[in-house]
Amino acid sequence: MKKTFTSLLLLIISVGFLQAQTVVTLLLPDPCSSETTHIDDVDFQTAPNEFDFIISPNPNAGKFTVSLKSKKPLGLMQIEIYNLQGAIQMRTQIFSENNECIKTFDMNSASDGMYLIVVRGKDVSKSKKIIVSKK
């Protein structure tokens, strides 16, 4: 069980002749405790339109697939590939009425290195790194 300490906060509100007093109790983590809360311990609620994508294979020799998967139909999605200098290398749009979609890319003319793939749709955006190595 985590240690907490209670802090008492008095708020005094003055409005004309009316004075009111409110007591607020705050439960705060004990700053002297050695216990640490890690970000992995926090349970985040997932958005109802959550989506993810998988790049396969990664690393690759220039040819790979991007597999999109969502809890809702994907709709219109834009996929952009950037080099590490921020220059766009490739851009495409896809439309799917389904929850899943697979798109194949061929970057054989691209230099070896790391690239950033950004997938955007209505109210969603996600990016991942990919490594192209033809050696």
C-alpha atoms as a PDB file:
ATOM      1  CA  MET A   1       0.000   0.000   0.000  1.00  0.00           C
ATOM      2  CA  LYS A   2       1.361   3.409  -0.903  1.00  0.00           C
ATOM      3  CA  LYS A   3       2.086   5.962   1.794  1.00  0.00           C
ATOM      4  CA  THR A   4       0.198   9.213   1.555  1.00  0.00           C
ATOM      5  CA  PHE A   5      -0.007  12.274   3.679  1.00  0.00           C
ATOM      6  CA  THR A   6      -2.932  14.586   4.061  1.00  0.00           C
ATOM      7  CA  SER A   7      -2.673  18.274   3.461  1.00  0.00           C
ATOM      8  CA  LEU A   8      -5.335  20.651   4.668  1.00  0.00           C
ATOM      9  CA  LEU A   9      -6.179  23.609   2.491  1.00  0.00           C
ATOM     10  CA  LEU A  10      -8.429  26.391   3.627  1.00  0.00           C
ATOM     11  CA  LEU A  11     -10.065  28.517   1.028  1.00  0.00           C
ATOM     12  CA  ILE A  12     -11.652  31.710   2.150  1.00  0.00           C
ATOM     13  CA  ILE A  13     -14.064  33.278  -0.264  1.00  0.00           C
ATOM     14  CA  SER A  14     -15.190  36.850   0.253  1.00  0.00           C
ATOM     15  CA  VAL A  15     -18.030  38.294  -1.745  1.00  0.00           C
ATOM     16  CA  GLY A  16     -19.276  41.623  -0.425  1.00  0.00           C
ATOM     17  CA  PHE A  17     -20.549  40.956   3.110  1.00  0.00           C
ATOM     18  CA  LEU A  18     -20.681  37.194   2.564  1.00  0.00           C
ATOM     19  CA  GLN A  19     -17.778  35.156   3.820  1.00  0.00           C
ATOM     20  CA  ALA A  20     -17.568  31.416   3.387  1.00  0.00           C
ATOM     21  CA  GLN A  21     -14.980  28.892   4.439  1.00  0.00           C
ATOM     22  CA  THR A  22     -14.329  25.624   2.568  1.00  0.00           C
ATOM     23  CA  VAL A  23     -12.061  22.825   3.754  1.00  0.00           C
ATOM     24  CA  VAL A  24     -10.440  20.712   1.035  1.00  0.00           C
ATOM     25  CA  THR A  25      -8.455  17.564   1.869  1.00  0.00           C
ATOM     26  CA  LEU A  26      -5.806  16.561  -0.662  1.00  0.00           C
ATOM     27  CA  LEU A  27      -4.209  13.111  -0.698  1.00  0.00           C
ATOM     28  CA  LEU A  28      -0.718  13.512  -2.121  1.00  0.00           C
ATOM     29  CA  PRO A  29       2.127  11.008  -2.498  1.00  0.00           C
ATOM     30  CA  ASP A  30       4.584  11.131   0.366  1.00  0.00           C
ATOM     31  CA  PRO A  31       7.632  12.998  -1.021  1.00  0.00           C
ATOM     32  CA  CYS A  32       9.851  11.234   1.540  1.00  0.00           C
ATOM     33  CA  SER A  33       8.834   7.772   0.384  1.00  0.00           C
ATOM     34  CA  SER A  34      11.337   5.712  -1.601  1.00  0.00           C
ATOM     35  CA  GLU A  35       8.486   4.104  -3.536  1.00  0.00           C
ATOM     36  CA  THR A  36       8.441   5.029  -7.233  1.00  0.00           C
ATOM     37  CA  THR A  37       5.504   4.904  -9.616  1.00  0.00           C
ATOM     38  CA  HIS A  38       6.573   3.722 -13.052  1.00  0.00           C
ATOM     39  CA  ILE A  39       4.735   4.762 -16.183  1.00  0.00           C
ATOM     40  CA  ASP A  40       4.085   1.061 -16.891  1.00  0.00           C
ATOM     41  CA  ASP A  41       2.008   0.906 -13.688  1.00  0.00           C
ATOM     42  CA  VAL A  42      -0.503   3.429 -14.994  1.00  0.00           C
ATOM     43  CA  ASP A  43      -3.524   1.973 -16.767  1.00  0.00           C
ATOM     44  CA  PHE A  44      -4.501   4.268 -19.633  1.00  0.00           C
ATOM     45  CA  GLN A  45      -7.913   4.079 -21.239  1.00  0.00           C
ATOM     46  CA  THR A  46      -7.705   3.352 -24.941  1.00  0.00           C
ATOM     47  CA  ALA A  47      -9.493   5.595 -27.384  1.00  0.00           C
ATOM     48  CA  PRO A  48     -12.480   3.995 -29.123  1.00  0.00           C
ATOM     49  CA  ASN A  49     -10.878   4.594 -32.533  1.00  0.00           C
ATOM     50  CA  GLU A  50      -7.486   3.213 -31.513  1.00  0.00           C
ATOM     51  CA  PHE A  51      -5.422   1.833 -34.341  1.00  0.00           C
ATOM     52  CA  ASP A  52      -1.968   0.418 -34.842  1.00  0.00           C
ATOM     53  CA  PHE A  53       0.194  -0.655 -37.719  1.00  0.00           C
ATOM     54  CA  ILE A  54       2.908  -3.233 -38.229  1.00  0.00           C
ATOM     55  CA  ILE A  55       5.867  -2.923 -40.605  1.00  0.00           C
ATOM     56  CA  SER A  56       7.091  -6.232 -41.943  1.00  0.00           C
ATOM     57  CA  PRO A  57       9.880  -7.091 -42.362  1.00  0.00           C
ATOM     58  CA  ASN A  58      11.825  -4.532 -40.372  1.00  0.00           C
ATOM     59  CA  PRO A  59      14.730  -4.149 -41.097  1.00  0.00           C
ATOM     60  CA  ASN A  60      14.301  -4.815 -44.819  1.00  0.00           C
ATOM     61  CA  ALA A  61      16.080  -4.437 -48.178  1.00  0.00           C
ATOM     62  CA  GLY A  62      13.639  -1.810 -49.468  1.00  0.00           C
ATOM     63  CA  LYS A  63      10.458  -3.820 -49.926  1.00  0.00           C
ATOM     64  CA  PHE A  64       8.024  -4.079 -47.000  1.00  0.00           C
ATOM     65  CA  THR A  65       4.354  -4.070 -46.057  1.00  0.00           C
ATOM     66  CA  VAL A  66       2.432  -1.821 -43.699  1.00  0.00           C
ATOM     67  CA  SER A  67      -0.503  -3.621 -42.078  1.00  0.00           C
ATOM     68  CA  LEU A  68      -3.103  -1.310 -40.532  1.00  0.00           C
ATOM     69  CA  LYS A  69      -5.579  -2.508 -37.935  1.00  0.00           C
ATOM     70  CA  SER A  70      -8.252  -0.504 -36.113  1.00  0.00           C
ATOM     71  CA  LYS A  71     -11.177  -0.998 -33.770  1.00  0.00           C
ATOM     72  CA  LYS A  72     -13.346   0.975 -36.219  1.00  0.00           C
ATOM     73  CA  PRO A  73     -13.382   1.077 -40.024  1.00  0.00           C
ATOM     74  CA  LEU A  74     -10.225   2.818 -41.227  1.00  0.00           C
ATOM     75  CA  GLY A  75     -11.744   5.201 -43.760  1.00  0.00           C
ATOM     76  CA  LEU A  76      -9.299   7.504 -45.553  1.00  0.00           C
ATOM     77  CA  MET A  77      -5.707   7.067 -44.315  1.00  0.00           C
ATOM     78  CA  GLN A  78      -2.508   8.782 -45.414  1.00  0.00           C
ATOM     79  CA  ILE A  79       0.866   7.042 -45.182  1.00  0.00           C
ATOM     80  CA  GLU A  80       4.033   9.151 -45.438  1.00  0.00           C
ATOM     81  CA  ILE A  81       7.665   8.044 -45.327  1.00  0.00           C
ATOM     82  CA  TYR A  82      10.308  10.568 -44.229  1.00  0.00           C
ATOM     83  CA  ASN A  83      14.088  10.366 -44.049  1.00  0.00           C
ATOM     84  CA  LEU A  84      15.779  11.494 -40.839  1.00  0.00           C
ATOM     85  CA  GLN A  85      16.357  14.974 -42.294  1.00  0.00           C
ATOM     86  CA  GLY A  86      12.568  15.386 -42.532  1.00  0.00           C
ATOM     87  CA  ALA A  87      12.329  15.191 -46.325  1.00  0.00           C
ATOM     88  CA  ILE A  88       9.342  13.227 -47.573  1.00  0.00           C
ATOM     89  CA  GLN A  89      10.355  10.150 -49.566  1.00  0.00           C
ATOM     90  CA  MET A  90       6.946   8.719 -50.370  1.00  0.00           C
ATOM     91  CA  ARG A  91       3.273   9.567 -49.786  1.00  0.00           C
ATOM     92  CA  THR A  92       0.153   7.563 -50.516  1.00  0.00           C
ATOM     93  CA  GLN A  93      -3.493   7.511 -49.514  1.00  0.00           C
ATOM     94  CA  ILE A  94      -5.648   4.465 -48.962  1.00  0.00           C
ATOM     95  CA  PHE A  95      -9.334   4.061 -48.273  1.00  0.00           C
ATOM     96  CA  SER A  96     -10.821   1.073 -46.518  1.00  0.00           C
ATOM     97  CA  GLU A  97     -14.286   0.432 -45.141  1.00  0.00           C
ATOM     98  CA  ASN A  98     -12.800  -2.461 -43.149  1.00  0.00           C
ATOM     99  CA  ASN A  99     -10.860  -2.588 -39.871  1.00  0.00           C
ATOM    100  CA  GLU A 100      -7.721  -3.885 -41.596  1.00  0.00           C
ATOM    101  CA  CYS A 101      -5.674  -2.994 -44.654  1.00  0.00           C
ATOM    102  CA  ILE A 102      -2.275  -4.023 -46.054  1.00  0.00           C
ATOM    103  CA  LYS A 103      -0.156  -1.794 -48.312  1.00  0.00           C
ATOM    104  CA  THR A 104       3.136  -2.889 -49.933  1.00  0.00           C
ATOM    105  CA  PHE A 105       5.972  -0.396 -50.441  1.00  0.00           C
ATOM    106  CA  ASP A 106       9.055  -0.600 -52.662  1.00  0.00           C
ATOM    107  CA  MET A 107      11.932   1.679 -51.636  1.00  0.00           C
ATOM    108  CA  ASN A 108      14.667  -0.071 -53.635  1.00  0.00           C
ATOM    109  CA  SER A 109      15.884   3.292 -54.966  1.00  0.00           C
ATOM    110  CA  ALA A 110      16.193   4.743 -51.434  1.00  0.00           C
ATOM    111  CA  SER A 111      19.524   4.893 -49.623  1.00  0.00           C
ATOM    112  CA  ASP A 112      20.267   2.581 -46.731  1.00  0.00           C
ATOM    113  CA  GLY A 113      19.263   4.100 -43.414  1.00  0.00           C
ATOM    114  CA  MET A 114      16.485   4.781 -40.973  1.00  0.00           C
ATOM    115  CA  TYR A 115      13.141   6.226 -42.073  1.00  0.00           C
ATOM    116  CA  LEU A 116      10.019   7.372 -40.274  1.00  0.00           C
ATOM    117  CA  ILE A 117       6.615   6.071 -41.361  1.00  0.00           C
ATOM    118  CA  VAL A 118       3.683   8.274 -40.357  1.00  0.00           C
ATOM    119  CA  VAL A 119       0.113   7.013 -40.686  1.00  0.00           C
ATOM    120  CA  ARG A 120      -2.681   9.565 -40.315  1.00  0.00           C
ATOM    121  CA  GLY A 121      -6.431   9.301 -40.432  1.00  0.00           C
ATOM    122  CA  LYS A 122      -9.417  11.104 -39.027  1.00  0.00           C
ATOM    123  CA  ASP A 123      -8.558  11.846 -35.370  1.00  0.00           C
ATOM    124  CA  VAL A 124      -5.611   9.403 -35.362  1.00  0.00           C
ATOM    125  CA  SER A 125      -1.892   9.630 -36.061  1.00  0.00           C
ATOM    126  CA  LYS A 126       0.943   7.220 -35.344  1.00  0.00           C
ATOM    127  CA  SER A 127       4.562   6.905 -36.420  1.00  0.00           C
ATOM    128  CA  LYS A 128       7.207   4.177 -36.371  1.00  0.00           C
ATOM    129  CA  LYS A 129      10.802   3.808 -37.516  1.00  0.00           C
ATOM    130  CA  ILE A 130      11.975   1.488 -40.250  1.00  0.00           C
ATOM    131  CA  ILE A 131      15.462   0.445 -41.324  1.00  0.00           C
ATOM    132  CA  VAL A 132      16.353  -0.078 -44.987  1.00  0.00           C
ATOM    133  CA  SER A 133      19.559  -2.049 -45.453  1.00  0.00           C
ATOM    134  CA  LYS A 134      20.375  -3.633 -48.826  1.00  0.00           C
ATOM    135  CA  LYS A 135      23.683  -5.121 -47.710  1.00  0.00           C
END
